Amino acid sequence: MQGELFLTKDGSHSLRSLENPALTYHSTHGAINESRHVFVEAGLRRLLDDGKTEIRILEMGFGTGLNALLTLTELSNYPHASIYYDTYELFPIDEEQAGKLNYPQQLGINADTFQALHQTEFGIETLITDRFHFRKYRENFLDVTPSPVYDLIYYDAFAPEDQPELWTASAMERCATWLKPGGALVTYCAKGQFKRNLRAAGFRVKALPGPVGKREITLADLVDLA
């Protein structure tokens, strides 16, 4: 989806759909604030703080690349760790539009690092830094045969009312199959039916406080129900 650039309340950019202005990539309350709170603080830091040296992340919905960029920058605080990051995005934004996003300036990092995430070839693992291995796929997440190789899933599809097929019980069963034993899924969505779908797929669901403008988010750990 190509969209209109706009500033969120924390000073960072997001995109909104030209066809449906209510459809945005991030919270209008703050793109960086939301992504850091949901995916880095609620998901990634648990693993880093536990001393895990190799972390494998699957992101559903690469979008603007903000989640990947925040994950990469978080590594500077944890010199013991390396991250292998795979992401699925069927409708990527183009490099020109990515170049207008102000995330590097907001985060105080080199813009080339951010652009590298958008410029890499699909399906090819690329070493963005010496400890951040990155690979993106232009494929439908629901069409790929999953295997249990990931420690953490960032689930960042558009909301259930916009992409209902990605929030069903069967989609969550697919996520469970992607994860190693003890793996987890984290997402901004906290709708009741979605949480019931997670439980049906074998997850233990925990509500966590949300970022500015949102009451709660969801962390789901994979448990063995046998």
C-alpha atoms as a PDB file:
ATOM      1  CA  MET A   1       0.000   0.000   0.000  1.00  0.00           C
ATOM      2  CA  GLN A   2       1.282   3.412  -0.964  1.00  0.00           C
ATOM      3  CA  GLY A   3       0.102   6.131   1.339  1.00  0.00           C
ATOM      4  CA  GLU A   4       0.198   9.715   2.445  1.00  0.00           C
ATOM      5  CA  LEU A   5       2.995  10.739   4.794  1.00  0.00           C
ATOM      6  CA  PHE A   6       1.916  12.362   8.059  1.00  0.00           C
ATOM      7  CA  LEU A   7       3.395  13.274  11.436  1.00  0.00           C
ATOM      8  CA  THR A   8       2.247  11.411  14.526  1.00  0.00           C
ATOM      9  CA  LYS A   9       2.150  13.068  17.947  1.00  0.00           C
ATOM     10  CA  ASP A  10       5.658  11.980  18.997  1.00  0.00           C
ATOM     11  CA  GLY A  11       7.161  13.703  15.930  1.00  0.00           C
ATOM     12  CA  SER A  12       7.733  10.522  13.914  1.00  0.00           C
ATOM     13  CA  HIS A  13       6.190   9.784  10.535  1.00  0.00           C
ATOM     14  CA  SER A  14       3.621   7.229   9.540  1.00  0.00           C
ATOM     15  CA  LEU A  15       1.578   6.552   6.402  1.00  0.00           C
ATOM     16  CA  ARG A  16      -2.175   6.580   5.850  1.00  0.00           C
ATOM     17  CA  SER A  17      -4.089   4.969   3.011  1.00  0.00           C
ATOM     18  CA  LEU A  18      -5.103   7.259   0.169  1.00  0.00           C
ATOM     19  CA  GLU A  19      -8.285   5.212  -0.305  1.00  0.00           C
ATOM     20  CA  ASN A  20      -9.148   4.942   3.400  1.00  0.00           C
ATOM     21  CA  PRO A  21      -7.613   7.760   5.488  1.00  0.00           C
ATOM     22  CA  ALA A  22      -8.620   5.984   8.708  1.00  0.00           C
ATOM     23  CA  LEU A  23      -6.231   3.144   7.822  1.00  0.00           C
ATOM     24  CA  THR A  24      -2.735   4.005   9.120  1.00  0.00           C
ATOM     25  CA  TYR A  25       0.472   2.033   9.586  1.00  0.00           C
ATOM     26  CA  HIS A  26       0.916   3.256  13.168  1.00  0.00           C
ATOM     27  CA  SER A  27      -0.905   4.950  16.000  1.00  0.00           C
ATOM     28  CA  THR A  28      -1.514   8.644  15.430  1.00  0.00           C
ATOM     29  CA  HIS A  29      -0.357   9.108  19.046  1.00  0.00           C
ATOM     30  CA  GLY A  30       3.207   8.230  18.029  1.00  0.00           C
ATOM     31  CA  ALA A  31       4.693   5.756  15.561  1.00  0.00           C
ATOM     32  CA  ILE A  32       8.039   5.261  17.283  1.00  0.00           C
ATOM     33  CA  ASN A  33       6.460   5.283  20.736  1.00  0.00           C
ATOM     34  CA  GLU A  34       3.935   2.616  19.759  1.00  0.00           C
ATOM     35  CA  SER A  35       6.377   0.309  17.965  1.00  0.00           C
ATOM     36  CA  ARG A  36       8.990   0.517  20.706  1.00  0.00           C
ATOM     37  CA  HIS A  37       6.434  -0.118  23.439  1.00  0.00           C
ATOM     38  CA  VAL A  38       4.678  -3.039  21.752  1.00  0.00           C
ATOM     39  CA  PHE A  39       7.455  -4.935  20.038  1.00  0.00           C
ATOM     40  CA  VAL A  40      10.756  -3.981  21.676  1.00  0.00           C
ATOM     41  CA  GLU A  41       9.764  -3.402  25.289  1.00  0.00           C
ATOM     42  CA  ALA A  42       7.017  -6.030  25.567  1.00  0.00           C
ATOM     43  CA  GLY A  43       8.630  -8.650  23.338  1.00  0.00           C
ATOM     44  CA  LEU A  44      12.311  -8.366  22.490  1.00  0.00           C
ATOM     45  CA  ARG A  45      13.685  -7.123  25.808  1.00  0.00           C
ATOM     46  CA  ARG A  46      12.403 -10.167  27.668  1.00  0.00           C
ATOM     47  CA  LEU A  47      14.750 -12.302  25.599  1.00  0.00           C
ATOM     48  CA  LEU A  48      17.666  -9.888  25.692  1.00  0.00           C
ATOM     49  CA  ASP A  49      17.419  -9.402  29.443  1.00  0.00           C
ATOM     50  CA  ASP A  50      17.412 -13.183  29.902  1.00  0.00           C
ATOM     51  CA  GLY A  51      20.850 -13.238  28.263  1.00  0.00           C
ATOM     52  CA  LYS A  52      19.801 -15.036  25.067  1.00  0.00           C
ATOM     53  CA  THR A  53      22.656 -14.759  22.588  1.00  0.00           C
ATOM     54  CA  GLU A  54      20.845 -15.686  19.362  1.00  0.00           C
ATOM     55  CA  ILE A  55      17.290 -14.515  18.780  1.00  0.00           C
ATOM     56  CA  ARG A  56      15.187 -15.396  15.777  1.00  0.00           C
ATOM     57  CA  ILE A  57      12.294 -13.044  15.029  1.00  0.00           C
ATOM     58  CA  LEU A  58       9.473 -13.343  12.507  1.00  0.00           C
ATOM     59  CA  GLU A  59       7.601 -10.163  11.661  1.00  0.00           C
ATOM     60  CA  MET A  60       4.215 -10.336   9.986  1.00  0.00           C
ATOM     61  CA  GLY A  61       3.919  -7.006   8.172  1.00  0.00           C
ATOM     62  CA  PHE A  62       7.181  -5.178   7.404  1.00  0.00           C
ATOM     63  CA  GLY A  63       5.331  -1.973   6.500  1.00  0.00           C
ATOM     64  CA  THR A  64       7.539   1.090   6.931  1.00  0.00           C
ATOM     65  CA  GLY A  65      10.392  -0.955   8.423  1.00  0.00           C
ATOM     66  CA  LEU A  66      10.132   0.781  11.788  1.00  0.00           C
ATOM     67  CA  ASN A  67       9.898  -2.393  13.888  1.00  0.00           C
ATOM     68  CA  ALA A  68      12.988  -3.841  12.241  1.00  0.00           C
ATOM     69  CA  LEU A  69      14.889  -0.577  12.667  1.00  0.00           C
ATOM     70  CA  LEU A  70      14.041  -0.305  16.374  1.00  0.00           C
ATOM     71  CA  THR A  71      15.054  -3.938  16.860  1.00  0.00           C
ATOM     72  CA  LEU A  72      18.382  -3.309  15.175  1.00  0.00           C
ATOM     73  CA  THR A  73      19.112  -0.189  17.235  1.00  0.00           C
ATOM     74  CA  GLU A  74      18.198  -1.990  20.477  1.00  0.00           C
ATOM     75  CA  LEU A  75      21.151  -4.331  19.914  1.00  0.00           C
ATOM     76  CA  SER A  76      23.564  -1.521  20.794  1.00  0.00           C
ATOM     77  CA  ASN A  77      22.483  -1.969  24.426  1.00  0.00           C
ATOM     78  CA  TYR A  78      23.107  -5.736  24.376  1.00  0.00           C
ATOM     79  CA  PRO A  79      26.560  -6.553  22.961  1.00  0.00           C
ATOM     80  CA  HIS A  80      26.153 -10.245  23.757  1.00  0.00           C
ATOM     81  CA  ALA A  81      23.290 -10.819  21.294  1.00  0.00           C
ATOM     82  CA  SER A  82      22.713 -11.392  17.594  1.00  0.00           C
ATOM     83  CA  ILE A  83      19.354 -11.267  15.842  1.00  0.00           C
ATOM     84  CA  TYR A  84      18.089 -13.142  12.800  1.00  0.00           C
ATOM     85  CA  TYR A  85      15.086 -11.212  11.516  1.00  0.00           C
ATOM     86  CA  ASP A  86      12.678 -12.478   8.839  1.00  0.00           C
ATOM     87  CA  THR A  87       9.678 -10.475   7.683  1.00  0.00           C
ATOM     88  CA  TYR A  88       6.746 -10.992   5.312  1.00  0.00           C
ATOM     89  CA  GLU A  89       5.244  -8.102   3.362  1.00  0.00           C
ATOM     90  CA  LEU A  90       3.099  -8.703   0.292  1.00  0.00           C
ATOM     91  CA  PHE A  91       2.710  -5.009  -0.576  1.00  0.00           C
ATOM     92  CA  PRO A  92       5.970  -3.193   0.276  1.00  0.00           C
ATOM     93  CA  ILE A  93       6.311   0.570   0.086  1.00  0.00           C
ATOM     94  CA  ASP A  94       8.834   1.802  -2.469  1.00  0.00           C
ATOM     95  CA  GLU A  95      12.329   3.071  -1.679  1.00  0.00           C
ATOM     96  CA  GLU A  96      11.429   6.656  -2.551  1.00  0.00           C
ATOM     97  CA  GLN A  97       8.649   6.725   0.002  1.00  0.00           C
ATOM     98  CA  ALA A  98      10.825   4.980   2.588  1.00  0.00           C
ATOM     99  CA  GLY A  99      13.447   7.677   2.070  1.00  0.00           C
ATOM    100  CA  LYS A 100      10.993  10.357   3.212  1.00  0.00           C
ATOM    101  CA  LEU A 101      10.347   8.728   6.595  1.00  0.00           C
ATOM    102  CA  ASN A 102      12.107  10.569   9.418  1.00  0.00           C
ATOM    103  CA  TYR A 103      12.974   7.599  11.639  1.00  0.00           C
ATOM    104  CA  PRO A 104      16.770   7.901  11.267  1.00  0.00           C
ATOM    105  CA  GLN A 105      16.646  11.562  12.269  1.00  0.00           C
ATOM    106  CA  GLN A 106      14.332  10.857  15.192  1.00  0.00           C
ATOM    107  CA  LEU A 107      16.539   8.016  16.425  1.00  0.00           C
ATOM    108  CA  GLY A 108      19.877   9.703  15.697  1.00  0.00           C
ATOM    109  CA  ILE A 109      21.205   7.016  13.369  1.00  0.00           C
ATOM    110  CA  ASN A 110      22.642   6.869   9.867  1.00  0.00           C
ATOM    111  CA  ALA A 111      19.902   6.965   7.227  1.00  0.00           C
ATOM    112  CA  ASP A 112      21.826   4.416   5.136  1.00  0.00           C
ATOM    113  CA  THR A 113      21.133   1.755   7.753  1.00  0.00           C
ATOM    114  CA  PHE A 114      17.406   2.292   7.448  1.00  0.00           C
ATOM    115  CA  GLN A 115      17.508   2.409   3.658  1.00  0.00           C
ATOM    116  CA  ALA A 116      19.405  -0.878   3.606  1.00  0.00           C
ATOM    117  CA  LEU A 117      16.356  -2.588   5.092  1.00  0.00           C
ATOM    118  CA  HIS A 118      14.267  -1.425   2.135  1.00  0.00           C
ATOM    119  CA  GLN A 119      16.920  -1.995  -0.525  1.00  0.00           C
ATOM    120  CA  THR A 120      17.790  -5.636   0.201  1.00  0.00           C
ATOM    121  CA  GLU A 121      16.627  -8.260  -2.283  1.00  0.00           C
ATOM    122  CA  PHE A 122      13.635 -10.347  -1.326  1.00  0.00           C
ATOM    123  CA  GLY A 123      14.473 -13.838  -0.085  1.00  0.00           C
ATOM    124  CA  ILE A 124      18.177 -13.106   0.432  1.00  0.00           C
ATOM    125  CA  GLU A 125      19.635 -12.949   3.936  1.00  0.00           C
ATOM    126  CA  THR A 126      21.614  -9.730   4.341  1.00  0.00           C
ATOM    127  CA  LEU A 127      23.976  -8.710   7.115  1.00  0.00           C
ATOM    128  CA  ILE A 128      22.814  -5.180   7.918  1.00  0.00           C
ATOM    129  CA  THR A 129      25.282  -4.962  10.814  1.00  0.00           C
ATOM    130  CA  ASP A 130      27.638  -7.593  12.185  1.00  0.00           C
ATOM    131  CA  ARG A 131      24.901  -8.782  14.583  1.00  0.00           C
ATOM    132  CA  PHE A 132      21.702  -8.155  12.634  1.00  0.00           C
ATOM    133  CA  HIS A 133      20.847 -10.695   9.941  1.00  0.00           C
ATOM    134  CA  PHE A 134      17.867  -9.588   7.856  1.00  0.00           C
ATOM    135  CA  ARG A 135      15.674 -11.275   5.263  1.00  0.00           C
ATOM    136  CA  LYS A 136      12.342 -10.173   3.827  1.00  0.00           C
ATOM    137  CA  TYR A 137       9.826 -12.046   1.736  1.00  0.00           C
ATOM    138  CA  ARG A 138       7.252 -10.678  -0.705  1.00  0.00           C
ATOM    139  CA  GLU A 139       4.864 -13.538  -0.088  1.00  0.00           C
ATOM    140  CA  ASN A 140       1.494 -14.148   1.499  1.00  0.00           C
ATOM    141  CA  PHE A 141       2.215 -15.190   5.059  1.00  0.00           C
ATOM    142  CA  LEU A 142      -0.751 -17.580   4.980  1.00  0.00           C
ATOM    143  CA  ASP A 143       0.584 -19.452   1.929  1.00  0.00           C
ATOM    144  CA  VAL A 144       3.978 -20.318   3.426  1.00  0.00           C
ATOM    145  CA  THR A 145       4.561 -23.687   5.101  1.00  0.00           C
ATOM    146  CA  PRO A 146       5.700 -22.850   8.636  1.00  0.00           C
ATOM    147  CA  SER A 147       8.426 -24.570  10.634  1.00  0.00           C
ATOM    148  CA  PRO A 148       9.315 -24.036  14.316  1.00  0.00           C
ATOM    149  CA  VAL A 149      12.415 -21.854  14.044  1.00  0.00           C
ATOM    150  CA  TYR A 150      11.452 -18.552  15.724  1.00  0.00           C
ATOM    151  CA  ASP A 151      11.703 -17.325  19.302  1.00  0.00           C
ATOM    152  CA  LEU A 152       9.385 -14.362  18.832  1.00  0.00           C
ATOM    153  CA  ILE A 153       6.724 -13.183  16.411  1.00  0.00           C
ATOM    154  CA  TYR A 154       5.978  -9.515  15.893  1.00  0.00           C
ATOM    155  CA  TYR A 155       2.398  -9.616  14.664  1.00  0.00           C
ATOM    156  CA  ASP A 156       1.788  -6.274  12.979  1.00  0.00           C
ATOM    157  CA  ALA A 157      -0.863  -6.848  10.339  1.00  0.00           C
ATOM    158  CA  PHE A 158      -3.528  -4.212   9.836  1.00  0.00           C
ATOM    159  CA  ALA A 159      -6.418  -4.407  12.300  1.00  0.00           C
ATOM    160  CA  PRO A 160      -8.919  -7.310  12.245  1.00  0.00           C
ATOM    161  CA  GLU A 161     -11.587  -5.157  10.603  1.00  0.00           C
ATOM    162  CA  ASP A 162      -9.172  -4.415   7.740  1.00  0.00           C
ATOM    163  CA  GLN A 163      -7.459  -7.814   7.343  1.00  0.00           C
ATOM    164  CA  PRO A 164      -9.758 -10.315   9.102  1.00  0.00           C
ATOM    165  CA  GLU A 165      -8.112 -13.359   7.521  1.00  0.00           C
ATOM    166  CA  LEU A 166      -4.870 -12.653   9.412  1.00  0.00           C
ATOM    167  CA  TRP A 167      -6.483 -12.762  12.876  1.00  0.00           C
ATOM    168  CA  THR A 168      -8.429 -16.015  12.713  1.00  0.00           C
ATOM    169  CA  ALA A 169      -7.885 -19.128  14.818  1.00  0.00           C
ATOM    170  CA  SER A 170      -6.278 -20.855  11.823  1.00  0.00           C
ATOM    171  CA  ALA A 171      -3.856 -17.938  11.342  1.00  0.00           C
ATOM    172  CA  MET A 172      -2.895 -18.194  15.015  1.00  0.00           C
ATOM    173  CA  GLU A 173      -2.394 -21.951  14.654  1.00  0.00           C
ATOM    174  CA  ARG A 174       0.020 -21.141  11.842  1.00  0.00           C
ATOM    175  CA  CYS A 175       1.872 -18.730  14.145  1.00  0.00           C
ATOM    176  CA  ALA A 176       2.109 -21.433  16.795  1.00  0.00           C
ATOM    177  CA  THR A 177       3.728 -23.728  14.237  1.00  0.00           C
ATOM    178  CA  TRP A 178       6.353 -21.070  13.399  1.00  0.00           C
ATOM    179  CA  LEU A 179       7.520 -20.862  17.019  1.00  0.00           C
ATOM    180  CA  LYS A 180      10.035 -22.902  18.959  1.00  0.00           C
ATOM    181  CA  PRO A 181       8.800 -24.423  22.251  1.00  0.00           C
ATOM    182  CA  GLY A 182       8.429 -21.570  24.701  1.00  0.00           C
ATOM    183  CA  GLY A 183       8.233 -18.971  21.942  1.00  0.00           C
ATOM    184  CA  ALA A 184       5.942 -15.957  22.069  1.00  0.00           C
ATOM    185  CA  LEU A 185       3.853 -13.633  19.929  1.00  0.00           C
ATOM    186  CA  VAL A 186       3.401  -9.948  20.672  1.00  0.00           C
ATOM    187  CA  THR A 187       0.966  -7.559  19.044  1.00  0.00           C
ATOM    188  CA  TYR A 188      -0.867  -4.276  19.493  1.00  0.00           C
ATOM    189  CA  CYS A 189      -4.262  -5.989  19.094  1.00  0.00           C
ATOM    190  CA  ALA A 190      -6.257  -6.799  22.245  1.00  0.00           C
ATOM    191  CA  LYS A 191      -9.678  -7.667  20.846  1.00  0.00           C
ATOM    192  CA  GLY A 192     -11.589 -10.373  22.683  1.00  0.00           C
ATOM    193  CA  GLN A 193     -12.177 -12.692  19.717  1.00  0.00           C
ATOM    194  CA  PHE A 194      -8.532 -12.482  18.726  1.00  0.00           C
ATOM    195  CA  LYS A 195      -7.452 -13.503  22.233  1.00  0.00           C
ATOM    196  CA  ARG A 196      -9.897 -16.417  22.147  1.00  0.00           C
ATOM    197  CA  ASN A 197      -8.352 -17.471  18.827  1.00  0.00           C
ATOM    198  CA  LEU A 198      -4.896 -17.378  20.404  1.00  0.00           C
ATOM    199  CA  ARG A 199      -6.026 -19.599  23.272  1.00  0.00           C
ATOM    200  CA  ALA A 200      -7.617 -22.035  20.829  1.00  0.00           C
ATOM    201  CA  ALA A 201      -4.255 -22.261  19.036  1.00  0.00           C
ATOM    202  CA  GLY A 202      -2.435 -23.215  22.257  1.00  0.00           C
ATOM    203  CA  PHE A 203      -1.228 -19.849  23.508  1.00  0.00           C
ATOM    204  CA  ARG A 204      -1.340 -18.513  27.054  1.00  0.00           C
ATOM    205  CA  VAL A 205      -2.553 -14.940  26.712  1.00  0.00           C
ATOM    206  CA  LYS A 206      -1.471 -12.007  28.849  1.00  0.00           C
ATOM    207  CA  ALA A 207      -2.764  -8.445  28.625  1.00  0.00           C
ATOM    208  CA  LEU A 208      -0.074  -5.791  29.082  1.00  0.00           C
ATOM    209  CA  PRO A 209      -0.451  -2.015  29.433  1.00  0.00           C
ATOM    210  CA  GLY A 210      -0.586  -0.301  26.064  1.00  0.00           C
ATOM    211  CA  PRO A 211       1.270   2.735  24.731  1.00  0.00           C
ATOM    212  CA  VAL A 212      -0.141   6.250  24.777  1.00  0.00           C
ATOM    213  CA  GLY A 213      -3.672   6.191  23.410  1.00  0.00           C
ATOM    214  CA  LYS A 214      -4.213   2.446  23.884  1.00  0.00           C
ATOM    215  CA  ARG A 215      -5.355   0.667  27.043  1.00  0.00           C
ATOM    216  CA  GLU A 216      -3.667  -2.703  26.493  1.00  0.00           C
ATOM    217  CA  ILE A 217      -1.681  -4.917  24.141  1.00  0.00           C
ATOM    218  CA  THR A 218      -1.256  -8.700  23.935  1.00  0.00           C
ATOM    219  CA  LEU A 219       1.627 -11.022  24.750  1.00  0.00           C
ATOM    220  CA  ALA A 220       0.971 -14.695  24.012  1.00  0.00           C
ATOM    221  CA  ASP A 221       3.322 -17.477  25.103  1.00  0.00           C
ATOM    222  CA  LEU A 222       3.196 -20.868  23.437  1.00  0.00           C
ATOM    223  CA  VAL A 223       2.361 -23.614  25.917  1.00  0.00           C
ATOM    224  CA  ASP A 224       2.166 -27.372  25.583  1.00  0.00           C
ATOM    225  CA  LEU A 225      -1.430 -28.470  26.122  1.00  0.00           C
ATOM    226  CA  ALA A 226      -0.649 -32.181  25.764  1.00  0.00           C
END
